[in-house]
N, C-alpha and C. Protein backbone atom coordinates (compact mmCIF):
# COMPACT_ATOMS: atom_id res chain seq x y z
N MET A 1 -17.92 10.10 22.10
CA MET A 1 -17.17 10.20 20.89
C MET A 1 -18.09 10.34 19.67
N LEU A 2 -19.15 9.55 19.64
CA LEU A 2 -20.09 9.61 18.52
C LEU A 2 -20.78 10.97 18.46
N LYS A 3 -21.17 11.51 19.62
CA LYS A 3 -21.82 12.83 19.63
C LYS A 3 -20.88 13.90 19.10
N ARG A 4 -19.61 13.80 19.48
CA ARG A 4 -18.62 14.78 19.04
C ARG A 4 -18.46 14.71 17.52
N ALA A 5 -18.40 13.49 16.98
CA ALA A 5 -18.28 13.31 15.53
C ALA A 5 -19.52 13.85 14.82
N GLU A 6 -20.70 13.59 15.37
CA GLU A 6 -21.93 14.09 14.76
C GLU A 6 -21.95 15.61 14.77
N HIS A 7 -21.52 16.21 15.89
CA HIS A 7 -21.47 17.67 15.99
C HIS A 7 -20.49 18.25 14.96
N LEU A 8 -19.33 17.61 14.82
CA LEU A 8 -18.35 18.07 13.87
C LEU A 8 -18.89 18.00 12.44
N MET A 9 -19.52 16.89 12.10
CA MET A 9 -20.07 16.74 10.75
C MET A 9 -21.19 17.76 10.49
N THR A 10 -22.01 18.03 11.49
CA THR A 10 -23.07 19.03 11.35
C THR A 10 -22.45 20.41 11.10
N THR A 11 -21.41 20.72 11.84
CA THR A 11 -20.72 22.01 11.69
C THR A 11 -20.10 22.13 10.30
N ILE A 12 -19.43 21.08 9.87
CA ILE A 12 -18.82 21.09 8.54
C ILE A 12 -19.89 21.23 7.46
N HIS A 13 -20.99 20.52 7.63
CA HIS A 13 -22.09 20.61 6.65
C HIS A 13 -22.63 22.04 6.58
N GLU A 14 -22.83 22.66 7.72
CA GLU A 14 -23.34 24.04 7.74
C GLU A 14 -22.35 24.99 7.08
N MET A 15 -21.06 24.81 7.36
CA MET A 15 -20.05 25.66 6.75
C MET A 15 -20.04 25.47 5.23
N HIS A 16 -20.16 24.23 4.79
CA HIS A 16 -20.19 23.94 3.36
C HIS A 16 -21.39 24.59 2.70
N ARG A 17 -22.54 24.52 3.37
CA ARG A 17 -23.77 25.10 2.84
C ARG A 17 -23.65 26.63 2.75
N MET A 18 -22.95 27.25 3.68
CA MET A 18 -22.84 28.70 3.73
C MET A 18 -21.75 29.26 2.80
N MET A 19 -20.82 28.42 2.37
CA MET A 19 -19.69 28.91 1.59
C MET A 19 -20.06 29.77 0.39
N PRO A 20 -21.03 29.36 -0.42
CA PRO A 20 -21.35 30.21 -1.57
C PRO A 20 -21.77 31.62 -1.17
N ARG A 21 -22.33 31.77 0.02
CA ARG A 21 -22.78 33.10 0.46
C ARG A 21 -21.65 33.91 1.09
N LEU A 22 -20.52 33.31 1.36
CA LEU A 22 -19.44 34.02 2.03
C LEU A 22 -18.56 34.82 1.07
N GLY A 23 -18.89 34.76 -0.20
CA GLY A 23 -18.20 35.60 -1.16
C GLY A 23 -17.07 34.91 -1.88
N LYS A 24 -16.37 35.69 -2.67
CA LYS A 24 -15.32 35.18 -3.53
C LYS A 24 -14.19 34.52 -2.76
N ARG A 25 -13.98 34.92 -1.54
CA ARG A 25 -12.88 34.37 -0.76
C ARG A 25 -12.99 32.86 -0.61
N PHE A 26 -14.21 32.34 -0.49
CA PHE A 26 -14.43 30.91 -0.32
C PHE A 26 -15.01 30.24 -1.56
N GLU A 27 -15.15 30.99 -2.63
CA GLU A 27 -15.84 30.50 -3.81
C GLU A 27 -15.23 29.20 -4.36
N ALA A 28 -13.92 29.09 -4.38
CA ALA A 28 -13.28 27.90 -4.93
C ALA A 28 -13.68 26.63 -4.20
N PHE A 29 -13.94 26.74 -2.91
CA PHE A 29 -14.25 25.57 -2.11
C PHE A 29 -15.69 25.10 -2.26
N SER A 30 -16.55 25.92 -2.83
CA SER A 30 -17.95 25.54 -2.96
C SER A 30 -18.15 24.41 -3.97
N GLU A 31 -17.15 24.16 -4.81
CA GLU A 31 -17.26 23.07 -5.78
C GLU A 31 -16.97 21.70 -5.17
N LEU A 32 -16.45 21.67 -3.95
CA LEU A 32 -16.09 20.41 -3.31
C LEU A 32 -17.27 19.79 -2.56
N THR A 33 -17.34 18.47 -2.61
CA THR A 33 -18.34 17.75 -1.82
C THR A 33 -17.84 17.65 -0.38
N MET A 34 -18.69 17.17 0.50
CA MET A 34 -18.29 17.01 1.90
C MET A 34 -17.11 16.05 2.04
N VAL A 35 -17.16 14.93 1.35
CA VAL A 35 -16.07 13.95 1.45
C VAL A 35 -14.78 14.54 0.87
N GLN A 36 -14.89 15.27 -0.23
CA GLN A 36 -13.72 15.91 -0.80
C GLN A 36 -13.12 16.93 0.17
N MET A 37 -13.99 17.67 0.86
CA MET A 37 -13.50 18.63 1.86
C MET A 37 -12.81 17.92 3.01
N ARG A 38 -13.35 16.78 3.42
CA ARG A 38 -12.71 16.02 4.49
C ARG A 38 -11.33 15.52 4.06
N LEU A 39 -11.20 15.13 2.81
CA LEU A 39 -9.90 14.71 2.30
C LEU A 39 -8.94 15.89 2.28
N MET A 40 -9.38 17.04 1.82
CA MET A 40 -8.53 18.22 1.80
C MET A 40 -8.09 18.60 3.21
N GLN A 41 -8.98 18.45 4.16
CA GLN A 41 -8.63 18.72 5.56
C GLN A 41 -7.53 17.76 6.01
N LEU A 42 -7.64 16.50 5.65
CA LEU A 42 -6.61 15.52 5.99
C LEU A 42 -5.27 15.89 5.38
N LEU A 43 -5.27 16.34 4.15
CA LEU A 43 -4.03 16.65 3.44
C LEU A 43 -3.41 17.98 3.85
N CYS A 44 -4.20 18.86 4.40
CA CYS A 44 -3.72 20.20 4.76
C CYS A 44 -2.55 20.09 5.75
N GLY A 45 -1.42 20.57 5.33
CA GLY A 45 -0.25 20.56 6.20
C GLY A 45 0.50 19.24 6.24
N LYS A 46 0.08 18.27 5.42
CA LYS A 46 0.76 16.97 5.40
C LYS A 46 1.32 16.70 4.02
N GLU A 47 2.38 15.96 3.98
CA GLU A 47 2.95 15.52 2.71
C GLU A 47 2.88 14.00 2.67
N ASN A 48 2.69 13.47 1.50
CA ASN A 48 2.78 12.03 1.28
C ASN A 48 1.82 11.19 2.11
N VAL A 49 0.55 11.45 1.98
CA VAL A 49 -0.49 10.65 2.63
C VAL A 49 -0.79 9.47 1.71
N SER A 50 -0.85 8.26 2.27
CA SER A 50 -1.09 7.07 1.46
C SER A 50 -2.58 6.88 1.18
N MET A 51 -2.87 6.07 0.19
CA MET A 51 -4.26 5.74 -0.13
C MET A 51 -4.89 5.00 1.05
N GLY A 52 -4.12 4.15 1.72
CA GLY A 52 -4.62 3.45 2.90
C GLY A 52 -4.99 4.41 4.01
N ASP A 53 -4.15 5.45 4.21
CA ASP A 53 -4.45 6.47 5.22
C ASP A 53 -5.77 7.17 4.89
N ILE A 54 -5.97 7.45 3.61
CA ILE A 54 -7.19 8.14 3.18
C ILE A 54 -8.42 7.27 3.44
N SER A 55 -8.37 6.01 3.01
CA SER A 55 -9.54 5.16 3.20
C SER A 55 -9.80 4.91 4.68
N ASN A 56 -8.75 4.78 5.49
CA ASN A 56 -8.95 4.60 6.93
C ASN A 56 -9.52 5.86 7.58
N HIS A 57 -8.95 7.00 7.26
CA HIS A 57 -9.38 8.25 7.89
C HIS A 57 -10.82 8.60 7.52
N LEU A 58 -11.17 8.40 6.26
CA LEU A 58 -12.52 8.74 5.79
C LEU A 58 -13.52 7.60 5.99
N GLU A 59 -13.00 6.46 6.43
CA GLU A 59 -13.82 5.27 6.65
C GLU A 59 -14.59 4.88 5.39
N ILE A 60 -13.83 4.79 4.29
CA ILE A 60 -14.39 4.37 3.01
C ILE A 60 -13.54 3.23 2.46
N LYS A 61 -14.09 2.51 1.50
CA LYS A 61 -13.37 1.39 0.88
C LYS A 61 -12.25 1.93 0.00
N PRO A 62 -11.18 1.13 -0.17
CA PRO A 62 -10.07 1.59 -1.02
C PRO A 62 -10.51 1.98 -2.43
N ALA A 63 -11.46 1.27 -3.02
CA ALA A 63 -11.94 1.63 -4.37
C ALA A 63 -12.60 3.02 -4.36
N SER A 64 -13.33 3.33 -3.30
CA SER A 64 -13.96 4.65 -3.18
C SER A 64 -12.91 5.73 -2.99
N ALA A 65 -11.86 5.42 -2.23
CA ALA A 65 -10.76 6.38 -2.03
C ALA A 65 -10.07 6.66 -3.36
N THR A 66 -9.88 5.63 -4.16
CA THR A 66 -9.25 5.81 -5.47
C THR A 66 -10.10 6.71 -6.36
N ALA A 67 -11.40 6.47 -6.40
CA ALA A 67 -12.29 7.31 -7.21
C ALA A 67 -12.30 8.75 -6.71
N LEU A 68 -12.30 8.93 -5.40
CA LEU A 68 -12.27 10.26 -4.80
C LEU A 68 -10.99 11.01 -5.20
N VAL A 69 -9.87 10.33 -5.09
CA VAL A 69 -8.58 10.92 -5.45
C VAL A 69 -8.56 11.23 -6.95
N ASP A 70 -9.05 10.32 -7.77
CA ASP A 70 -9.09 10.56 -9.23
C ASP A 70 -9.81 11.86 -9.55
N ARG A 71 -10.96 12.07 -8.92
CA ARG A 71 -11.74 13.29 -9.21
C ARG A 71 -10.99 14.56 -8.78
N LEU A 72 -10.33 14.50 -7.63
CA LEU A 72 -9.61 15.69 -7.16
C LEU A 72 -8.32 15.93 -7.94
N VAL A 73 -7.70 14.88 -8.46
CA VAL A 73 -6.54 15.05 -9.33
C VAL A 73 -6.99 15.74 -10.62
N GLN A 74 -8.11 15.31 -11.18
CA GLN A 74 -8.64 15.92 -12.42
C GLN A 74 -8.96 17.39 -12.22
N LYS A 75 -9.41 17.76 -11.03
CA LYS A 75 -9.75 19.15 -10.74
C LYS A 75 -8.54 19.97 -10.29
N ASP A 76 -7.37 19.34 -10.24
CA ASP A 76 -6.11 19.97 -9.82
C ASP A 76 -6.12 20.43 -8.35
N TRP A 77 -6.83 19.70 -7.51
CA TRP A 77 -6.80 19.98 -6.08
C TRP A 77 -5.68 19.20 -5.39
N ILE A 78 -5.36 18.02 -5.91
CA ILE A 78 -4.34 17.19 -5.30
C ILE A 78 -3.44 16.59 -6.37
N GLU A 79 -2.30 16.04 -5.92
CA GLU A 79 -1.35 15.36 -6.80
C GLU A 79 -1.14 13.95 -6.27
N ARG A 80 -0.90 13.03 -7.19
CA ARG A 80 -0.66 11.64 -6.81
C ARG A 80 0.60 11.19 -7.54
N GLU A 81 1.48 10.52 -6.81
CA GLU A 81 2.68 9.97 -7.44
C GLU A 81 3.16 8.76 -6.66
N HIS A 82 4.07 8.02 -7.27
CA HIS A 82 4.65 6.87 -6.59
C HIS A 82 5.60 7.34 -5.49
N ASP A 83 5.59 6.64 -4.37
CA ASP A 83 6.49 6.92 -3.26
C ASP A 83 7.93 6.69 -3.75
N LYS A 84 8.82 7.59 -3.39
CA LYS A 84 10.21 7.47 -3.83
C LYS A 84 10.92 6.27 -3.19
N GLU A 85 10.47 5.88 -2.00
CA GLU A 85 11.10 4.77 -1.30
C GLU A 85 10.45 3.43 -1.62
N ASP A 86 9.18 3.41 -1.99
CA ASP A 86 8.46 2.18 -2.30
C ASP A 86 7.57 2.44 -3.51
N ARG A 87 8.03 2.06 -4.68
CA ARG A 87 7.34 2.37 -5.93
C ARG A 87 5.96 1.75 -6.02
N ARG A 88 5.66 0.74 -5.18
CA ARG A 88 4.33 0.12 -5.18
C ARG A 88 3.30 1.02 -4.49
N ARG A 89 3.76 1.93 -3.66
CA ARG A 89 2.89 2.78 -2.83
C ARG A 89 2.66 4.12 -3.53
N MET A 90 1.40 4.55 -3.56
CA MET A 90 1.05 5.87 -4.09
C MET A 90 0.95 6.85 -2.93
N VAL A 91 1.44 8.06 -3.14
CA VAL A 91 1.31 9.10 -2.12
C VAL A 91 0.52 10.26 -2.70
N ILE A 92 -0.25 10.89 -1.82
CA ILE A 92 -1.15 11.97 -2.21
C ILE A 92 -0.75 13.22 -1.43
N ARG A 93 -0.82 14.36 -2.10
CA ARG A 93 -0.55 15.64 -1.43
C ARG A 93 -1.37 16.73 -2.11
N MET A 94 -1.49 17.85 -1.46
CA MET A 94 -2.19 19.00 -2.05
C MET A 94 -1.37 19.53 -3.22
N SER A 95 -2.07 19.99 -4.25
CA SER A 95 -1.39 20.61 -5.39
C SER A 95 -0.99 22.04 -5.03
N GLN A 96 -0.11 22.61 -5.81
CA GLN A 96 0.27 24.02 -5.59
C GLN A 96 -0.95 24.92 -5.71
N SER A 97 -1.83 24.59 -6.64
CA SER A 97 -3.04 25.36 -6.85
C SER A 97 -3.91 25.38 -5.59
N SER A 98 -4.11 24.22 -4.99
CA SER A 98 -4.96 24.17 -3.79
C SER A 98 -4.27 24.82 -2.59
N LYS A 99 -2.94 24.72 -2.53
CA LYS A 99 -2.21 25.41 -1.44
C LYS A 99 -2.41 26.92 -1.56
N SER A 100 -2.39 27.42 -2.79
CA SER A 100 -2.62 28.86 -3.00
C SER A 100 -4.03 29.25 -2.58
N LYS A 101 -5.01 28.41 -2.93
CA LYS A 101 -6.39 28.68 -2.54
C LYS A 101 -6.53 28.72 -1.01
N MET A 102 -5.84 27.81 -0.34
CA MET A 102 -5.89 27.76 1.13
C MET A 102 -5.28 29.03 1.72
N LYS A 103 -4.18 29.50 1.15
CA LYS A 103 -3.53 30.71 1.66
C LYS A 103 -4.44 31.92 1.52
N GLU A 104 -5.20 31.98 0.42
CA GLU A 104 -6.13 33.09 0.21
C GLU A 104 -7.18 33.16 1.30
N VAL A 105 -7.62 31.99 1.74
CA VAL A 105 -8.68 31.92 2.74
C VAL A 105 -8.14 32.27 4.12
N MET A 106 -6.95 31.86 4.39
CA MET A 106 -6.38 32.04 5.73
C MET A 106 -5.71 33.35 5.88
């Protein structure tokens, strides 16, 4: 399991490093860090991901997840709002802007 995770991270790192050279099609994604890309991967195709889900999936502390989400909200990659069923819970999803960027790539 650990070898598989290391291989995946190496592959993602190489893809991230190559993005600027792949042309305008991937240009928007070159501004993202590795952790930000991992978060976008988690959100891709999902609605209403919780902050707890993010910190668990990325194996980071809740405070780090909050800072990560704050930065991506400011860059208009993701949206954050209160859950309609539980106002104490925040839910995260991809913004329309980032969905459009994903469609361009695919």
